[in-house]
C-alpha atoms as a PDB file:
ATOM      1  CA  MET A   1      22.687 -31.094  14.414  1.00  0.00           C
ATOM      2  CA  SER A   2      22.984 -29.218  17.720  1.00  0.00           C
ATOM      3  CA  LYS A   3      19.984 -28.597  19.961  1.00  0.00           C
ATOM      4  CA  ALA A   4      19.935 -24.853  19.104  1.00  0.00           C
ATOM      5  CA  GLU A   5      20.018 -25.631  15.382  1.00  0.00           C
ATOM      6  CA  ARG A   6      17.259 -28.230  15.823  1.00  0.00           C
ATOM      7  CA  LEU A   7      15.004 -25.739  17.649  1.00  0.00           C
ATOM      8  CA  ILE A   8      15.399 -23.149  14.877  1.00  0.00           C
ATOM      9  CA  GLU A   9      14.740 -25.761  12.184  1.00  0.00           C
ATOM     10  CA  MET A  10      11.729 -26.961  14.189  1.00  0.00           C
ATOM     11  CA  MET A  11      10.282 -23.431  14.341  1.00  0.00           C
ATOM     12  CA  ILE A  12      10.604 -23.135  10.557  1.00  0.00           C
ATOM     13  CA  THR A  13       9.013 -26.558  10.034  1.00  0.00           C
ATOM     14  CA  ILE A  14       6.147 -25.883  12.458  1.00  0.00           C
ATOM     15  CA  ASN A  15       5.376 -22.525  10.804  1.00  0.00           C
ATOM     16  CA  ALA A  16       5.063 -24.296   7.468  1.00  0.00           C
ATOM     17  CA  LYS A  17       2.963 -27.231   8.751  1.00  0.00           C
ATOM     18  CA  ARG A  18       0.726 -25.482  11.319  1.00  0.00           C
ATOM     19  CA  HIS A  19      -0.656 -28.958  12.280  1.00  0.00           C
ATOM     20  CA  PHE A  20       1.619 -31.871  13.157  1.00  0.00           C
ATOM     21  CA  THR A  21       2.158 -34.828  15.508  1.00  0.00           C
ATOM     22  CA  VAL A  22       5.097 -35.602  17.765  1.00  0.00           C
ATOM     23  CA  GLY A  23       5.754 -38.745  15.730  1.00  0.00           C
ATOM     24  CA  GLU A  24       6.018 -36.761  12.485  1.00  0.00           C
ATOM     25  CA  LEU A  25       8.626 -34.425  13.964  1.00  0.00           C
ATOM     26  CA  ALA A  26      10.549 -37.313  15.541  1.00  0.00           C
ATOM     27  CA  ASP A  27      10.820 -39.022  12.154  1.00  0.00           C
ATOM     28  CA  GLU A  28      11.763 -35.804  10.365  1.00  0.00           C
ATOM     29  CA  PHE A  29      14.519 -34.845  12.835  1.00  0.00           C
ATOM     30  CA  SER A  30      15.661 -38.438  13.564  1.00  0.00           C
ATOM     31  CA  VAL A  31      15.295 -38.109  17.341  1.00  0.00           C
ATOM     32  CA  SER A  32      13.028 -39.750  19.921  1.00  0.00           C
ATOM     33  CA  LYS A  33       9.490 -38.615  20.691  1.00  0.00           C
ATOM     34  CA  ARG A  34      10.656 -37.769  24.222  1.00  0.00           C
ATOM     35  CA  THR A  35      13.266 -35.382  22.792  1.00  0.00           C
ATOM     36  CA  ILE A  36      10.632 -33.725  20.562  1.00  0.00           C
ATOM     37  CA  LEU A  37       8.301 -33.259  23.555  1.00  0.00           C
ATOM     38  CA  ARG A  38      11.097 -31.571  25.514  1.00  0.00           C
ATOM     39  CA  ASP A  39      11.859 -29.315  22.531  1.00  0.00           C
ATOM     40  CA  LEU A  40       8.190 -28.364  22.186  1.00  0.00           C
ATOM     41  CA  GLN A  41       8.027 -27.469  25.870  1.00  0.00           C
ATOM     42  CA  GLU A  42      11.017 -25.149  25.437  1.00  0.00           C
ATOM     43  CA  LEU A  43       9.409 -23.482  22.431  1.00  0.00           C
ATOM     44  CA  GLU A  44       6.190 -22.930  24.399  1.00  0.00           C
ATOM     45  CA  LYS A  45       8.164 -21.368  27.269  1.00  0.00           C
ATOM     46  CA  ALA A  46       9.799 -19.038  24.743  1.00  0.00           C
ATOM     47  CA  GLY A  47       6.335 -17.861  23.661  1.00  0.00           C
ATOM     48  CA  PHE A  48       5.773 -20.031  20.597  1.00  0.00           C
ATOM     49  CA  PRO A  49       1.926 -20.247  20.295  1.00  0.00           C
ATOM     50  CA  LEU A  50       1.233 -24.007  20.343  1.00  0.00           C
ATOM     51  CA  TYR A  51      -1.739 -25.963  21.625  1.00  0.00           C
ATOM     52  CA  SER A  52      -2.391 -29.711  21.650  1.00  0.00           C
ATOM     53  CA  GLU A  53      -5.466 -31.816  20.935  1.00  0.00           C
ATOM     54  CA  VAL A  54      -6.008 -35.360  22.174  1.00  0.00           C
ATOM     55  CA  GLY A  55      -7.706 -38.208  20.275  1.00  0.00           C
ATOM     56  CA  ALA A  56      -7.174 -40.102  17.045  1.00  0.00           C
ATOM     57  CA  ALA A  57      -7.063 -36.918  14.975  1.00  0.00           C
ATOM     58  CA  GLY A  58      -5.147 -35.018  17.631  1.00  0.00           C
ATOM     59  CA  GLY A  59      -1.703 -33.516  17.552  1.00  0.00           C
ATOM     60  CA  TYR A  60      -0.262 -30.031  17.843  1.00  0.00           C
ATOM     61  CA  HIS A  61      -1.601 -26.882  16.215  1.00  0.00           C
ATOM     62  CA  ILE A  62      -0.066 -23.459  15.860  1.00  0.00           C
ATOM     63  CA  LEU A  63      -2.249 -20.471  16.649  1.00  0.00           C
ATOM     64  CA  LYS A  64      -3.180 -17.914  14.011  1.00  0.00           C
ATOM     65  CA  GLU A  65      -0.781 -15.304  15.431  1.00  0.00           C
ATOM     66  CA  ARG A  66       2.426 -17.159  14.622  1.00  0.00           C
ATOM     67  CA  ILE A  67       5.914 -16.272  15.849  1.00  0.00           C
ATOM     68  CA  LEU A  68       8.577 -16.323  13.181  1.00  0.00           C
ATOM     69  CA  PRO A  69      11.878 -18.103  13.739  1.00  0.00           C
ATOM     70  CA  PRO A  70      15.055 -16.090  14.389  1.00  0.00           C
ATOM     71  CA  ILE A  71      16.493 -14.342  11.341  1.00  0.00           C
ATOM     72  CA  VAL A  72      20.106 -13.236  11.044  1.00  0.00           C
ATOM     73  CA  PHE A  73      20.636  -9.727   9.612  1.00  0.00           C
ATOM     74  CA  SER A  74      23.814  -8.067   8.422  1.00  0.00           C
ATOM     75  CA  GLU A  75      24.448  -4.504   9.605  1.00  0.00           C
ATOM     76  CA  ASN A  76      23.361  -3.019   6.270  1.00  0.00           C
ATOM     77  CA  GLU A  77      20.249  -5.244   6.196  1.00  0.00           C
ATOM     78  CA  ALA A  78      19.282  -3.992   9.653  1.00  0.00           C
ATOM     79  CA  LYS A  79      19.675  -0.390   8.471  1.00  0.00           C
ATOM     80  CA  ALA A  80      17.601  -1.191   5.365  1.00  0.00           C
ATOM     81  CA  VAL A  81      14.694  -2.343   7.562  1.00  0.00           C
ATOM     82  CA  PHE A  82      14.665   0.950   9.468  1.00  0.00           C
ATOM     83  CA  PHE A  83      15.158   2.933   6.262  1.00  0.00           C
ATOM     84  CA  ALA A  84      12.063   1.255   4.780  1.00  0.00           C
ATOM     85  CA  CYS A  85       9.990   1.930   7.897  1.00  0.00           C
ATOM     86  CA  GLN A  86      11.151   5.550   7.818  1.00  0.00           C
ATOM     87  CA  ALA A  87       9.146   5.979   4.599  1.00  0.00           C
ATOM     88  CA  LEU A  88       5.917   5.261   6.512  1.00  0.00           C
ATOM     89  CA  GLN A  89       6.338   7.460   9.571  1.00  0.00           C
ATOM     90  CA  PHE A  90       4.554  10.528   8.166  1.00  0.00           C
ATOM     91  CA  TYR A  91       1.416   8.653   7.114  1.00  0.00           C
ATOM     92  CA  HIS A  92      -1.444   9.557   9.417  1.00  0.00           C
ATOM     93  CA  ASP A  93      -2.860   6.002   9.310  1.00  0.00           C
ATOM     94  CA  LEU A  94      -1.343   2.587   8.598  1.00  0.00           C
ATOM     95  CA  PRO A  95      -2.985  -0.864   8.472  1.00  0.00           C
ATOM     96  CA  PHE A  96      -0.462  -2.157  11.051  1.00  0.00           C
ATOM     97  CA  GLU A  97       0.466   1.015  12.907  1.00  0.00           C
ATOM     98  CA  GLN A  98       0.880  -0.466  16.403  1.00  0.00           C
ATOM     99  CA  GLU A  99       2.610  -3.574  15.058  1.00  0.00           C
ATOM    100  CA  THR A 100       5.101  -1.387  13.165  1.00  0.00           C
ATOM    101  CA  ILE A 101       6.006   0.463  16.355  1.00  0.00           C
ATOM    102  CA  SER A 102       6.292  -2.814  18.264  1.00  0.00           C
ATOM    103  CA  VAL A 103       8.530  -4.572  15.745  1.00  0.00           C
ATOM    104  CA  LEU A 104      10.909  -1.592  15.502  1.00  0.00           C
ATOM    105  CA  LYS A 105      11.285  -1.476  19.289  1.00  0.00           C
ATOM    106  CA  LYS A 106      12.007  -5.214  19.455  1.00  0.00           C
ATOM    107  CA  PHE A 107      14.388  -4.998  16.539  1.00  0.00           C
ATOM    108  CA  LEU A 108      16.308  -1.970  17.834  1.00  0.00           C
ATOM    109  CA  ASN A 109      16.737  -3.436  21.324  1.00  0.00           C
ATOM    110  CA  CYS A 110      18.423  -6.542  19.853  1.00  0.00           C
ATOM    111  CA  LEU A 111      21.066  -4.585  17.949  1.00  0.00           C
ATOM    112  CA  PRO A 112      24.537  -3.693  19.235  1.00  0.00           C
ATOM    113  CA  THR A 113      24.919  -0.163  20.629  1.00  0.00           C
ATOM    114  CA  ASP A 114      27.109   1.057  17.776  1.00  0.00           C
ATOM    115  CA  ILE A 115      24.578  -0.068  15.144  1.00  0.00           C
ATOM    116  CA  GLN A 116      21.745   1.564  17.160  1.00  0.00           C
ATOM    117  CA  SER A 117      23.730   4.807  17.096  1.00  0.00           C
ATOM    118  CA  SER A 118      24.335   4.479  13.349  1.00  0.00           C
ATOM    119  CA  ILE A 119      20.612   3.922  12.697  1.00  0.00           C
ATOM    120  CA  THR A 120      19.764   6.968  14.828  1.00  0.00           C
ATOM    121  CA  GLN A 121      22.093   9.031  12.642  1.00  0.00           C
ATOM    122  CA  VAL A 122      20.243   7.830   9.539  1.00  0.00           C
ATOM    123  CA  GLN A 123      16.896   8.739  11.129  1.00  0.00           C
ATOM    124  CA  ASN A 124      18.206  12.224  11.974  1.00  0.00           C
ATOM    125  CA  LYS A 125      19.626  12.910   8.526  1.00  0.00           C
ATOM    126  CA  VAL A 126      17.352  11.184   5.993  1.00  0.00           C
ATOM    127  CA  ILE A 127      13.556  11.113   5.819  1.00  0.00           C
ATOM    128  CA  PHE A 128      10.871  10.315   3.261  1.00  0.00           C
ATOM    129  CA  TRP A 129       8.722  13.332   3.920  1.00  0.00           C
ATOM    130  CA  THR A 130       5.010  13.025   3.172  1.00  0.00           C
ATOM    131  CA  PRO A 131       2.659  16.019   3.568  1.00  0.00           C
ATOM    132  CA  ASP A 132       0.319  15.809   6.554  1.00  0.00           C
ATOM    133  CA  ARG A 133      -3.183  15.882   5.059  1.00  0.00           C
ATOM    134  CA  HIS A 134      -4.963  15.943   8.440  1.00  0.00           C
ATOM    135  CA  CYS A 135      -7.332  13.314   7.044  1.00  0.00           C
ATOM    136  CA  ASP A 136      -8.181  10.449   9.373  1.00  0.00           C
ATOM    137  CA  SER A 137      -8.787   7.034   7.801  1.00  0.00           C
ATOM    138  CA  PRO A 138     -10.366   5.082  10.681  1.00  0.00           C
ATOM    139  CA  LEU A 139     -11.607   2.349   8.322  1.00  0.00           C
ATOM    140  CA  LEU A 140      -8.213   1.713   6.692  1.00  0.00           C
ATOM    141  CA  LYS A 141      -7.554  -1.471   8.656  1.00  0.00           C
ATOM    142  CA  SER A 142     -11.066  -2.780   7.931  1.00  0.00           C
ATOM    143  CA  MET A 143     -10.641  -2.076   4.211  1.00  0.00           C
ATOM    144  CA  PHE A 144      -7.265  -3.821   4.300  1.00  0.00           C
ATOM    145  CA  HIS A 145      -8.863  -7.007   5.668  1.00  0.00           C
ATOM    146  CA  ILE A 146     -11.709  -6.815   3.124  1.00  0.00           C
ATOM    147  CA  ILE A 147      -9.180  -6.562   0.283  1.00  0.00           C
ATOM    148  CA  VAL A 148      -6.949  -9.362   1.568  1.00  0.00           C
ATOM    149  CA  SER A 149     -10.042 -11.575   2.107  1.00  0.00           C
ATOM    150  CA  GLN A 150     -11.149 -10.790  -1.485  1.00  0.00           C
ATOM    151  CA  LEU A 151     -14.601  -9.589  -0.476  1.00  0.00           C
ATOM    152  CA  ALA A 152     -16.992  -6.985  -1.854  1.00  0.00           C
ATOM    153  CA  ALA A 153     -18.110  -4.165   0.420  1.00  0.00           C
ATOM    154  CA  THR A 154     -21.160  -1.930   0.587  1.00  0.00           C
ATOM    155  CA  ILE A 155     -19.946   1.447   1.802  1.00  0.00           C
ATOM    156  CA  ARG A 156     -21.255   4.902   2.582  1.00  0.00           C
ATOM    157  CA  TYR A 157     -18.970   7.243   0.670  1.00  0.00           C
ATOM    158  CA  SER A 158     -18.636  11.021   0.877  1.00  0.00           C
ATOM    159  CA  SER A 159     -17.224  12.482  -2.337  1.00  0.00           C
ATOM    160  CA  ALA A 160     -16.369  16.108  -3.019  1.00  0.00           C
ATOM    161  CA  HIS A 161     -19.946  16.731  -4.208  1.00  0.00           C
ATOM    162  CA  SER A 162     -22.299  14.277  -2.481  1.00  0.00           C
ATOM    163  CA  GLU A 163     -22.710  11.273  -0.198  1.00  0.00           C
ATOM    164  CA  SER A 164     -23.881   7.918  -1.504  1.00  0.00           C
ATOM    165  CA  VAL A 165     -24.146   4.218  -0.707  1.00  0.00           C
ATOM    166  CA  ARG A 166     -22.533   1.875  -3.208  1.00  0.00           C
ATOM    167  CA  THR A 167     -21.126  -1.638  -3.467  1.00  0.00           C
ATOM    168  CA  ILE A 168     -17.492  -1.913  -4.517  1.00  0.00           C
ATOM    169  CA  ILE A 169     -15.114  -4.747  -5.375  1.00  0.00           C
ATOM    170  CA  PRO A 170     -11.685  -3.498  -4.263  1.00  0.00           C
ATOM    171  CA  ILE A 171      -8.597  -4.090  -6.398  1.00  0.00           C
ATOM    172  CA  GLY A 172      -6.181  -3.064  -3.661  1.00  0.00           C
ATOM    173  CA  LEU A 173      -4.729  -0.133  -1.720  1.00  0.00           C
ATOM    174  CA  TYR A 174      -2.003   2.362  -2.521  1.00  0.00           C
ATOM    175  CA  ALA A 175      -0.672   5.424  -0.720  1.00  0.00           C
ATOM    176  CA  MET A 176       0.326   8.635  -2.476  1.00  0.00           C
ATOM    177  CA  ASN A 177       1.101  12.118  -1.165  1.00  0.00           C
ATOM    178  CA  GLY A 178      -0.109  11.295   2.330  1.00  0.00           C
ATOM    179  CA  LEU A 179      -3.457   9.797   1.298  1.00  0.00           C
ATOM    180  CA  TRP A 180      -4.694   6.206   0.911  1.00  0.00           C
ATOM    181  CA  TYR A 181      -6.601   5.225  -2.236  1.00  0.00           C
ATOM    182  CA  CYS A 182      -8.704   2.153  -2.969  1.00  0.00           C
ATOM    183  CA  PRO A 183      -9.325   1.575  -6.690  1.00  0.00           C
ATOM    184  CA  ALA A 184     -12.379  -0.666  -7.013  1.00  0.00           C
ATOM    185  CA  TYR A 185     -15.057  -1.820  -9.426  1.00  0.00           C
ATOM    186  CA  CYS A 186     -18.185   0.159  -8.542  1.00  0.00           C
ATOM    187  CA  THR A 187     -21.372  -1.804  -9.240  1.00  0.00           C
ATOM    188  CA  THR A 188     -23.357   1.453  -9.309  1.00  0.00           C
ATOM    189  CA  ALA A 189     -21.236   3.070 -12.047  1.00  0.00           C
ATOM    190  CA  ASN A 190     -20.378  -0.289 -13.688  1.00  0.00           C
ATOM    191  CA  GLN A 191     -16.727   0.723 -13.999  1.00  0.00           C
ATOM    192  CA  ILE A 192     -13.537   1.062 -11.991  1.00  0.00           C
ATOM    193  CA  ARG A 193     -13.432   4.127  -9.778  1.00  0.00           C
ATOM    194  CA  GLU A 194     -10.928   5.455  -7.236  1.00  0.00           C
ATOM    195  CA  PHE A 195     -12.077   5.873  -3.646  1.00  0.00           C
ATOM    196  CA  ARG A 196     -10.174   7.822  -1.017  1.00  0.00           C
ATOM    197  CA  VAL A 197     -10.170   5.731   2.144  1.00  0.00           C
ATOM    198  CA  ASP A 198     -10.559   8.775   4.414  1.00  0.00           C
ATOM    199  CA  ARG A 199     -13.866   9.513   2.639  1.00  0.00           C
ATOM    200  CA  ILE A 200     -15.313   6.062   3.389  1.00  0.00           C
ATOM    201  CA  LYS A 201     -17.618   6.904   6.297  1.00  0.00           C
ATOM    202  CA  GLU A 202     -19.099   3.468   6.976  1.00  0.00           C
ATOM    203  CA  ILE A 203     -18.745  -0.140   5.894  1.00  0.00           C
ATOM    204  CA  ILE A 204     -22.328  -1.370   5.821  1.00  0.00           C
ATOM    205  CA  GLU A 205     -21.769  -4.929   4.626  1.00  0.00           C
ATOM    206  CA  GLU A 206     -19.010  -7.330   3.608  1.00  0.00           C
ATOM    207  CA  LYS A 207     -19.841 -10.205   1.287  1.00  0.00           C
ATOM    208  CA  PRO A 208     -18.301 -12.614  -1.236  1.00  0.00           C
ATOM    209  CA  TYR A 209     -18.750 -12.032  -4.967  1.00  0.00           C
ATOM    210  CA  HIS A 210     -18.480 -14.021  -8.198  1.00  0.00           C
ATOM    211  CA  LYS A 211     -15.024 -13.178  -9.575  1.00  0.00           C
ATOM    212  CA  GLU A 212     -15.811 -14.365 -13.088  1.00  0.00           C
ATOM    213  CA  LYS A 213     -18.633 -11.817 -13.331  1.00  0.00           C
ATOM    214  CA  TYR A 214     -16.345  -8.764 -13.180  1.00  0.00           C
ATOM    215  CA  SER A 215     -13.370  -7.804 -15.326  1.00  0.00           C
ATOM    216  CA  ILE A 216     -10.916  -6.183 -12.950  1.00  0.00           C
ATOM    217  CA  PRO A 217      -7.090  -6.196 -12.717  1.00  0.00           C
ATOM    218  CA  SER A 218      -5.678  -9.165 -10.820  1.00  0.00           C
ATOM    219  CA  SER A 219      -3.439  -7.007  -8.622  1.00  0.00           C
ATOM    220  CA  ILE A 220      -2.863  -3.429  -7.529  1.00  0.00           C
ATOM    221  CA  GLN A 221       0.428  -3.488  -9.479  1.00  0.00           C
ATOM    222  CA  ALA A 222      -1.402  -4.386 -12.687  1.00  0.00           C
ATOM    223  CA  TYR A 223      -3.855  -1.555 -12.057  1.00  0.00           C
ATOM    224  CA  LEU A 224      -1.157   1.059 -11.414  1.00  0.00           C
ATOM    225  CA  GLU A 225       0.783   0.044 -14.526  1.00  0.00           C
ATOM    226  CA  THR A 226      -2.206   0.960 -16.685  1.00  0.00           C
ATOM    227  CA  LEU A 227      -3.303   3.949 -14.577  1.00  0.00           C
ATOM    228  CA  GLU A 228      -4.779   6.678 -16.756  1.00  0.00           C
ATOM    229  CA  ILE A 229      -3.462   5.132 -19.976  1.00  0.00           C
ATOM    230  CA  GLY A 230      -5.853   5.809 -22.839  1.00  0.00           C
ATOM    231  CA  ASN A 231      -6.040   7.312 -26.291  1.00  0.00           C
ATOM    232  CA  ASP A 232      -9.189   9.426 -26.140  1.00  0.00           C
ATOM    233  CA  TYR A 233      -7.235  12.692 -26.338  1.00  0.00           C
ATOM    234  CA  HIS A 234      -3.756  13.624 -27.513  1.00  0.00           C
ATOM    235  CA  ILE A 235      -2.475  16.476 -25.357  1.00  0.00           C
ATOM    236  CA  LYS A 236       0.449  18.782 -26.158  1.00  0.00           C
ATOM    237  CA  ILE A 237       1.437  21.352 -23.536  1.00  0.00           C
ATOM    238  CA  GLN A 238       4.426  23.687 -23.820  1.00  0.00           C
ATOM    239  CA  LEU A 239       6.220  24.396 -20.524  1.00  0.00           C
ATOM    240  CA  THR A 240       8.714  26.905 -19.177  1.00  0.00           C
ATOM    241  CA  ASP A 241      11.562  25.731 -16.926  1.00  0.00           C
ATOM    242  CA  ILE A 242       9.341  26.368 -13.899  1.00  0.00           C
ATOM    243  CA  GLY A 243       6.512  24.403 -15.507  1.00  0.00           C
ATOM    244  CA  VAL A 244       8.851  21.473 -16.167  1.00  0.00           C
ATOM    245  CA  LYS A 245       9.960  21.338 -12.525  1.00  0.00           C
ATOM    246  CA  ARG A 246       6.344  21.303 -11.328  1.00  0.00           C
ATOM    247  CA  CYS A 247       5.333  18.530 -13.751  1.00  0.00           C
ATOM    248  CA  GLU A 248       8.319  16.339 -12.883  1.00  0.00           C
ATOM    249  CA  THR A 249       6.715  15.563  -9.514  1.00  0.00           C
ATOM    250  CA  GLU A 250       3.347  14.497 -10.953  1.00  0.00           C
ATOM    251  CA  TYR A 251       3.227  10.777 -11.757  1.00  0.00           C
ATOM    252  CA  LEU A 252       0.717  10.953 -14.606  1.00  0.00           C
ATOM    253  CA  LEU A 253       2.303  13.861 -16.475  1.00  0.00           C
ATOM    254  CA  ALA A 254       5.934  12.857 -15.937  1.00  0.00           C
ATOM    255  CA  ARG A 255       5.401   9.906 -18.306  1.00  0.00           C
ATOM    256  CA  GLY A 256       4.809  12.263 -21.232  1.00  0.00           C
ATOM    257  CA  LEU A 257       7.279  14.995 -20.248  1.00  0.00           C
ATOM    258  CA  LYS A 258      10.257  15.808 -22.469  1.00  0.00           C
ATOM    259  CA  THR A 259      12.780  18.516 -21.671  1.00  0.00           C
ATOM    260  CA  LEU A 260      14.118  20.627 -24.534  1.00  0.00           C
ATOM    261  CA  PRO A 261      17.821  21.502 -25.068  1.00  0.00           C
ATOM    262  CA  THR A 262      16.836  25.137 -25.611  1.00  0.00           C
ATOM    263  CA  GLY A 263      15.057  25.265 -22.241  1.00  0.00           C
ATOM    264  CA  GLY A 264      11.592  24.399 -21.018  1.00  0.00           C
ATOM    265  CA  GLY A 265       9.817  21.271 -22.117  1.00  0.00           C
ATOM    266  CA  MET A 266       6.814  19.664 -23.720  1.00  0.00           C
ATOM    267  CA  ILE A 267       4.155  17.233 -22.547  1.00  0.00           C
ATOM    268  CA  ASP A 268       3.159  15.042 -25.484  1.00  0.00           C
ATOM    269  CA  MET A 269       0.975  12.048 -24.603  1.00  0.00           C
ATOM    270  CA  GLU A 270      -2.365  10.280 -24.850  1.00  0.00           C
ATOM    271  CA  ILE A 271      -4.915  10.397 -22.004  1.00  0.00           C
ATOM    272  CA  ARG A 272      -8.378   9.116 -21.213  1.00  0.00           C
ATOM    273  CA  GLN A 273     -11.449  11.304 -21.535  1.00  0.00           C
ATOM    274  CA  SER A 274     -12.045  11.024 -17.791  1.00  0.00           C
ATOM    275  CA  THR A 275      -8.625  12.606 -17.166  1.00  0.00           C
ATOM    276  CA  LEU A 276      -9.263  15.774 -19.199  1.00  0.00           C
ATOM    277  CA  GLU A 277     -11.005  17.608 -16.334  1.00  0.00           C
ATOM    278  CA  TRP A 278      -8.159  16.772 -13.967  1.00  0.00           C
ATOM    279  CA  VAL A 279      -5.539  18.051 -16.444  1.00  0.00           C
ATOM    280  CA  ALA A 280      -7.388  21.374 -16.760  1.00  0.00           C
ATOM    281  CA  GLU A 281      -7.624  21.732 -12.976  1.00  0.00           C
ATOM    282  CA  TYR A 282      -3.942  20.866 -12.581  1.00  0.00           C
ATOM    283  CA  PHE A 283      -2.674  23.464 -15.064  1.00  0.00           C
ATOM    284  CA  LEU A 284      -5.016  26.276 -14.027  1.00  0.00           C
ATOM    285  CA  PRO A 285      -2.578  27.711 -11.427  1.00  0.00           C
ATOM    286  CA  PHE A 286       0.429  27.428 -13.791  1.00  0.00           C
ATOM    287  CA  GLY A 287      -0.369  30.757 -15.436  1.00  0.00           C
ATOM    288  CA  ASN A 288       2.120  31.617 -18.205  1.00  0.00           C
ATOM    289  CA  ASN A 289       4.328  28.641 -17.267  1.00  0.00           C
ATOM    290  CA  ALA A 290       2.144  26.318 -19.364  1.00  0.00           C
ATOM    291  CA  THR A 291       0.622  26.816 -22.804  1.00  0.00           C
ATOM    292  CA  ILE A 292      -1.889  24.230 -23.996  1.00  0.00           C
ATOM    293  CA  LEU A 293      -1.522  23.612 -27.726  1.00  0.00           C
ATOM    294  CA  GLU A 294      -3.993  20.742 -28.143  1.00  0.00           C
ATOM    295  CA  PRO A 295      -6.613  19.341 -28.054  1.00  0.00           C
ATOM    296  CA  ILE A 296      -9.130  22.089 -28.644  1.00  0.00           C
ATOM    297  CA  GLU A 297     -11.414  20.494 -26.016  1.00  0.00           C
ATOM    298  CA  LEU A 298      -8.784  21.089 -23.329  1.00  0.00           C
ATOM    299  CA  ILE A 299      -8.223  24.680 -24.490  1.00  0.00           C
ATOM    300  CA  GLN A 300     -11.979  25.363 -24.307  1.00  0.00           C
ATOM    301  CA  LEU A 301     -12.161  23.765 -20.865  1.00  0.00           C
ATOM    302  CA  MET A 302      -9.324  25.989 -19.623  1.00  0.00           C
ATOM    303  CA  LYS A 303     -11.054  29.105 -20.989  1.00  0.00           C
ATOM    304  CA  HIS A 304     -14.261  28.107 -19.212  1.00  0.00           C
ATOM    305  CA  LYS A 305     -12.462  27.620 -15.884  1.00  0.00           C
ATOM    306  CA  VAL A 306     -10.584  30.919 -16.201  1.00  0.00           C
ATOM    307  CA  HIS A 307     -13.881  32.691 -16.951  1.00  0.00           C
ATOM    308  CA  GLU A 308     -15.530  31.087 -13.918  1.00  0.00           C
ATOM    309  CA  LEU A 309     -12.636  32.237 -11.741  1.00  0.00           C
ATOM    310  CA  TYR A 310     -12.851  35.756 -13.169  1.00  0.00           C
ATOM    311  CA  GLN A 311     -16.610  35.928 -12.518  1.00  0.00           C
ATOM    312  CA  HIS A 312     -16.030  34.800  -8.936  1.00  0.00           C
ATOM    313  CA  TYR A 313     -14.038  37.963  -8.219  1.00  0.00           C
ATOM    314  CA  VAL A 314     -16.068  40.455 -10.247  1.00  0.00           C
END
């Protein structure tokens, strides 16, 4: 094994161990302790965050902010990294905003000029556009750390109707249409609720909780897979071609959307009771492009909302 290969292997090994002795590395790489000490000095000069402790229980430790070993990328892999980061550029807030900018600068500067030019062409021609909501989420990074640390949080939350203090047990974070959402078990409502991160005004307290006491999804993926699935109401909504195009972009409704060979389409699906109000609000501006056939509760709700709107302009 060459010296360069040994240094790369050593970086990988150190990242995995985090605590080690010179003797352990010497045995593992079949070289002398003196050689290992010289290698460690070179890694420290290169910026690898090591510190040593003396004594019987001493040795080397790696700091929390670790540096990853070199990784070899193909040209298409390098483009894929930038393509993925492109999807985040229109989000007003990110948990690692500065780090994202930093890593892209480091990454781009290491690439050959022709690949840099090719990536620039991709950036100029393809984007994942996300609407700018003009909603700051200053507590996004704090919520991220609370979720990763598996803690509960007491927050001051400003909803569309009121402001309240409540304790939540976050399931995770997801971004959609330019906004960040935190589904969490709310101990006040005794059920899972969705909280917009930009509406969290203050984190009052962070604390551990007894996991066995609450029945919540184990991951954000598990939560999203069952999002809004329920059988409280069976909805059937007839759509024109325009109505179909509008519903194709809505995650919840697209699952129950079927296009018809004669034109238009039909939404035929089961929903939760808590979703009924949202469905009525969503279809209110559709006008004649959507006709609700069932349930009667949704039809009555639509009539009520249309009447309210009419009275507003009388």
